[in-house]
Amino acid sequence: MIFNPTEFEFIATRAWVANRTIFMELTDGRQIGFPAARFHRLAAATDEQLAEVTLRLQGSALRWEALDEDITVTGAPLDGFRHRCRWLLEVF
């Protein structure tokens, strides 16, 4: 089976931050999170700035207005996965 991340799209119903981890609840009830440190602007943000996350584009994007940062809900959890896949391809 070949994994193709472009074949699906996650939609979030809510987003929140706890302990510098951004969490999202998806339409199917799953909750996923990622560390703020994964994204440069979020890593440099204060806890107060991180907490100001909002959902945009009918739940398909996360937005931090004060940071001028937008991250797709689908891309957020896959970002680290793609980096690990590239690393594996280089090693093998």
Protein backbone atom coordinates (compact mmCIF):
# COMPACT_ATOMS: atom_id res chain seq x y z
CA MET A 1 0.00 0.00 0.00
CA ILE A 2 1.33 3.41 -0.95
CA PHE A 3 0.55 6.32 1.39
CA ASN A 4 -0.48 9.45 -0.46
CA PRO A 5 -1.26 12.37 1.88
CA THR A 6 -2.99 14.30 -0.91
CA GLU A 7 -5.83 11.77 -1.00
CA PHE A 8 -7.54 13.08 2.12
CA GLU A 9 -8.17 16.27 4.05
CA PHE A 10 -8.64 16.69 7.79
CA ILE A 11 -11.24 19.16 9.04
CA ALA A 12 -11.15 20.40 12.64
CA THR A 13 -14.14 21.32 14.77
CA ARG A 14 -12.04 22.99 17.48
CA ALA A 15 -8.46 23.83 18.37
CA TRP A 16 -6.72 24.60 21.65
CA VAL A 17 -3.26 24.77 23.21
CA ALA A 18 -1.94 23.06 26.34
CA ASN A 19 1.67 22.96 27.47
CA ARG A 20 2.91 24.38 24.14
CA THR A 21 1.15 21.62 22.21
CA ILE A 22 -1.52 22.53 19.67
CA PHE A 23 -4.47 20.17 19.70
CA MET A 24 -7.26 19.74 17.17
CA GLU A 25 -10.47 17.77 17.32
CA LEU A 26 -11.38 16.41 13.91
CA THR A 27 -14.86 15.91 12.50
CA ASP A 28 -14.62 12.16 13.17
CA GLY A 29 -13.90 12.79 16.87
CA ARG A 30 -10.17 12.06 16.79
CA GLN A 31 -7.96 14.45 18.69
CA ILE A 32 -4.45 15.04 17.43
CA GLY A 33 -1.72 17.37 18.55
CA PHE A 34 1.70 18.62 17.58
CA PRO A 35 4.37 20.56 19.46
CA ALA A 36 4.62 24.29 18.78
CA ALA A 37 8.35 23.77 18.35
CA ARG A 38 7.68 22.06 15.01
CA PHE A 39 6.95 25.43 13.37
CA HIS A 40 9.38 28.33 13.58
CA ARG A 41 6.89 31.14 14.34
CA LEU A 42 5.02 29.05 16.87
CA ALA A 43 8.24 28.03 18.60
CA ALA A 44 9.11 31.70 19.14
CA ALA A 45 5.61 32.66 20.32
CA THR A 46 4.59 33.34 23.89
CA ASP A 47 2.06 31.05 25.58
CA GLU A 48 -0.51 33.84 25.30
CA GLN A 49 0.08 34.18 21.55
CA LEU A 50 -0.21 30.42 21.05
CA ALA A 51 -3.52 30.35 22.91
CA GLU A 52 -5.03 32.75 20.35
CA VAL A 53 -5.39 30.00 17.72
CA THR A 54 -8.56 30.14 15.63
CA LEU A 55 -10.04 27.91 12.95
CA ARG A 56 -10.42 29.30 9.44
CA LEU A 57 -11.68 28.05 6.07
CA GLN A 58 -14.48 25.93 7.52
CA GLY A 59 -12.06 24.12 9.85
CA SER A 60 -9.36 23.31 7.32
CA ALA A 61 -6.78 25.82 8.64
CA LEU A 62 -5.35 27.07 11.92
CA ARG A 63 -4.68 30.81 12.22
CA TRP A 64 -2.63 32.93 14.64
CA GLU A 65 -3.45 36.52 13.69
CA ALA A 66 -0.81 38.20 15.90
CA LEU A 67 1.88 35.86 14.53
CA ASP A 68 0.67 36.04 10.91
CA GLU A 69 0.82 32.23 10.84
CA ASP A 70 -1.49 29.84 8.97
CA ILE A 71 -1.16 26.06 9.05
CA THR A 72 -3.48 23.63 7.31
CA VAL A 73 -5.16 21.12 9.56
CA THR A 74 -4.09 18.35 7.18
CA GLY A 75 -0.51 19.58 6.95
CA ALA A 76 0.09 20.04 10.67
CA PRO A 77 0.20 16.35 11.67
CA LEU A 78 1.76 15.26 8.37
CA ASP A 79 4.65 17.74 8.45
CA GLY A 80 6.81 15.61 10.73
CA PHE A 81 5.78 12.45 8.89
CA ARG A 82 7.04 13.82 5.57
CA HIS A 83 10.36 14.85 7.12
CA ARG A 84 10.84 11.35 8.56
CA CYS A 85 10.01 9.80 5.18
CA ARG A 86 12.60 11.97 3.43
CA TRP A 87 15.19 10.99 6.02
CA LEU A 88 14.43 7.29 5.54
CA LEU A 89 14.76 7.62 1.77
CA GLU A 90 18.16 9.26 2.19
CA VAL A 91 19.37 6.57 4.60
CA PHE A 92 18.21 3.62 2.50
